Amino acid sequence: MSEDSAVVAQPGHPVLDVLVEGHGYFSSRGEHVVRIEADEMVGFFSEAKSVGFESCMELTVVDFYRIRPIRFELVLVLLSRKHNLRLRVLVPVDEASPTVPSLTDVYPGTGFFEREVFDMFGISFDGNPDLTRILMPDDWVGHPLRKDYAVGSVPIQFRDAHKVT
């Protein structure tokens, strides 16, 4: 770990101290970060909401293809306006079984983020009420933001331009 991401015993804020206890908390470039496992997601996020993290602002994925043994890592950012805090939550997702619990019951707005992650990376969210493609056509094969997805090209013909061959 770099100096920026050295493990810290306590985050120094009473709300965070209670929430991240027993999890892999660290500070990265002045931000609060915690690592949890996929099976802890619903409980952790329910607890986070109950202590004042009203909003899940972001949910995305990092693809560590050929870099780490666990290929994918969910990245979620929680916001507490009440406590003026942000918390980044990292959740490893194994490529062999890319399924995690949905957070739509805790934070309903995550449904759209989950659909985007499903569409672009192929990670399923168990319990999402509408886990369908959101950006790509329904008949699209593959997940375009995976690092091993083949790069292709689609010829585009602009009006009044020379014919694309």
Protein backbone atom coordinates (compact mmCIF):
# COMPACT_ATOMS: atom_id res chain seq x y z
CA MET A 1 0.00 0.00 0.00
CA SER A 2 1.15 3.52 -0.64
CA GLU A 3 1.46 6.13 2.04
CA ASP A 4 -1.93 7.53 0.98
CA SER A 5 -3.71 4.25 1.56
CA ALA A 6 -2.08 3.03 4.77
CA VAL A 7 -4.47 1.15 7.05
CA VAL A 8 -5.85 3.42 9.75
CA ALA A 9 -7.18 2.05 13.04
CA GLN A 10 -10.10 4.49 13.27
CA PRO A 11 -11.44 7.09 10.86
CA GLY A 12 -11.80 9.68 13.64
CA HIS A 13 -15.51 10.41 13.22
CA PRO A 14 -17.98 8.75 15.63
CA VAL A 15 -20.40 7.72 12.86
CA LEU A 16 -17.64 6.19 10.75
CA ASP A 17 -15.97 4.56 13.77
CA VAL A 18 -19.13 2.54 14.43
CA LEU A 19 -19.96 1.82 10.78
CA VAL A 20 -16.56 0.57 9.61
CA GLU A 21 -15.64 -1.37 12.73
CA GLY A 22 -14.53 -4.87 11.73
CA HIS A 23 -14.11 -3.92 8.06
CA GLY A 24 -11.03 -2.94 6.10
CA TYR A 25 -11.07 0.82 6.60
CA PHE A 26 -8.35 3.07 5.20
CA SER A 27 -7.88 6.63 4.03
CA SER A 28 -6.96 7.36 0.43
CA ARG A 29 -6.02 10.88 -0.58
CA GLY A 30 -8.06 12.25 2.32
CA GLU A 31 -11.16 10.17 1.51
CA HIS A 32 -12.74 7.58 3.79
CA VAL A 33 -12.67 4.13 2.17
CA VAL A 34 -13.90 0.75 3.42
CA ARG A 35 -13.72 -2.75 1.89
CA ILE A 36 -16.56 -5.19 2.49
CA GLU A 37 -17.51 -8.55 1.03
CA ALA A 38 -20.49 -9.01 -1.30
CA ASP A 39 -22.44 -11.05 1.25
CA GLU A 40 -22.22 -8.11 3.70
CA MET A 41 -23.59 -5.52 1.28
CA VAL A 42 -27.26 -5.34 2.28
CA GLY A 43 -26.51 -5.29 6.01
CA PHE A 44 -23.70 -2.76 5.68
CA PHE A 45 -25.67 -0.37 3.47
CA SER A 46 -28.77 -0.67 5.65
CA GLU A 47 -26.64 0.26 8.66
CA ALA A 48 -25.04 3.12 6.70
CA LYS A 49 -28.45 4.52 5.83
CA SER A 50 -29.61 4.23 9.45
CA VAL A 51 -26.61 6.23 10.74
CA GLY A 52 -27.12 9.08 8.28
CA PHE A 53 -25.78 8.17 4.83
CA GLU A 54 -28.93 9.24 2.99
CA SER A 55 -27.71 8.83 -0.59
CA CYS A 56 -25.78 6.43 -2.75
CA MET A 57 -24.21 8.87 -5.19
CA GLU A 58 -22.29 6.45 -7.40
CA LEU A 59 -22.03 2.77 -8.23
CA THR A 60 -19.54 1.63 -10.82
CA VAL A 61 -16.93 -1.06 -11.44
CA VAL A 62 -13.19 -1.27 -11.94
CA ASP A 63 -11.98 -4.13 -14.15
CA PHE A 64 -8.57 -5.37 -12.96
CA TYR A 65 -8.20 -7.82 -15.86
CA ARG A 66 -4.80 -9.57 -15.60
CA ILE A 67 -3.77 -7.30 -12.72
CA ARG A 68 -5.43 -8.80 -9.62
CA PRO A 69 -6.72 -12.28 -8.78
CA ILE A 70 -10.22 -10.87 -8.18
CA ARG A 71 -11.05 -9.24 -11.48
CA PHE A 72 -13.85 -6.80 -10.63
CA GLU A 73 -14.36 -4.35 -7.80
CA LEU A 74 -17.61 -2.48 -7.23
CA VAL A 75 -17.08 1.11 -6.16
CA LEU A 76 -19.94 2.84 -4.35
CA VAL A 77 -19.93 6.34 -2.89
CA LEU A 78 -22.25 7.16 -0.01
CA LEU A 79 -23.09 10.70 1.06
CA SER A 80 -24.23 11.96 4.44
CA ARG A 81 -25.43 15.55 4.30
CA LYS A 82 -26.30 15.31 7.99
CA HIS A 83 -22.70 14.54 8.98
CA ASN A 84 -20.99 16.18 5.97
CA LEU A 85 -19.25 12.90 5.07
CA ARG A 86 -18.54 10.80 2.02
CA LEU A 87 -17.63 7.13 2.22
CA ARG A 88 -16.26 5.08 -0.66
CA VAL A 89 -17.14 1.38 -0.38
CA LEU A 90 -15.19 -1.24 -2.33
CA VAL A 91 -16.64 -4.70 -2.94
CA PRO A 92 -14.64 -7.42 -4.74
CA VAL A 93 -16.58 -9.44 -7.33
CA ASP A 94 -15.23 -12.74 -8.61
CA GLU A 95 -15.33 -13.24 -12.37
CA ALA A 96 -16.43 -16.87 -11.98
CA SER A 97 -19.66 -15.86 -10.19
CA PRO A 98 -20.29 -12.18 -10.95
CA THR A 99 -23.43 -11.78 -8.87
CA VAL A 100 -23.97 -9.51 -5.87
CA PRO A 101 -27.08 -8.49 -3.93
CA SER A 102 -29.10 -5.55 -5.23
CA LEU A 103 -29.27 -2.41 -3.11
CA THR A 104 -32.55 -1.17 -4.58
CA ASP A 105 -34.43 -1.96 -1.35
CA VAL A 106 -32.01 0.24 0.63
CA TYR A 107 -31.25 2.94 -1.96
CA PRO A 108 -33.91 2.79 -4.72
CA GLY A 109 -31.90 5.02 -7.07
CA THR A 110 -29.18 2.40 -7.38
CA GLY A 111 -31.41 0.42 -9.74
CA PHE A 112 -30.22 2.43 -12.73
CA PHE A 113 -26.55 2.19 -11.70
CA GLU A 114 -26.96 -1.58 -11.30
CA ARG A 115 -28.48 -1.87 -14.77
CA GLU A 116 -25.56 0.05 -16.27
CA VAL A 117 -23.01 -2.17 -14.50
CA PHE A 118 -24.93 -5.25 -15.67
CA ASP A 119 -25.02 -3.96 -19.24
CA MET A 120 -21.41 -2.80 -19.49
CA PHE A 121 -19.60 -5.36 -17.28
CA GLY A 122 -21.95 -8.36 -16.94
CA ILE A 123 -22.26 -8.24 -13.15
CA SER A 124 -25.72 -9.35 -11.98
CA PHE A 125 -27.57 -7.83 -9.05
CA ASP A 126 -29.72 -10.41 -7.30
CA GLY A 127 -33.05 -8.81 -6.40
CA ASN A 128 -32.99 -5.91 -8.86
CA PRO A 129 -36.60 -5.55 -10.06
CA ASP A 130 -35.64 -4.65 -13.66
CA LEU A 131 -32.19 -6.01 -14.47
CA THR A 132 -32.23 -5.39 -18.22
CA ARG A 133 -29.86 -3.62 -20.57
CA ILE A 134 -30.00 0.16 -20.26
CA LEU A 135 -27.41 1.43 -22.79
CA MET A 136 -26.90 -1.32 -25.36
CA PRO A 137 -29.57 -2.92 -27.58
CA ASP A 138 -31.32 -5.92 -26.01
CA ASP A 139 -29.79 -8.32 -28.55
CA TRP A 140 -26.20 -7.06 -28.00
CA VAL A 141 -23.70 -9.81 -27.24
CA GLY A 142 -21.05 -9.12 -24.62
CA HIS A 143 -20.20 -6.35 -22.19
CA PRO A 144 -18.34 -3.46 -23.86
CA LEU A 145 -16.47 -2.01 -20.85
CA ARG A 146 -14.72 -5.25 -19.94
CA LYS A 147 -11.03 -4.95 -20.72
CA ASP A 148 -11.07 -8.19 -22.72
CA TYR A 149 -13.95 -7.07 -24.95
CA ALA A 150 -12.86 -6.92 -28.59
CA VAL A 151 -12.55 -3.43 -30.00
CA GLY A 152 -14.47 -3.12 -33.23
CA SER A 153 -15.66 -0.45 -35.55
CA VAL A 154 -18.99 0.55 -36.95
CA PRO A 155 -18.99 2.62 -40.14
CA ILE A 156 -20.96 5.83 -39.74
CA GLN A 157 -22.34 7.64 -42.74
CA PHE A 158 -22.89 11.38 -42.28
CA ARG A 159 -25.33 13.23 -44.49
CA ASP A 160 -23.69 14.92 -47.51
CA ALA A 161 -20.34 13.24 -46.79
CA HIS A 162 -18.34 10.99 -49.05
CA LYS A 163 -19.51 7.38 -48.96
CA VAL A 164 -17.84 5.31 -46.24
CA THR A 165 -16.28 2.14 -47.63
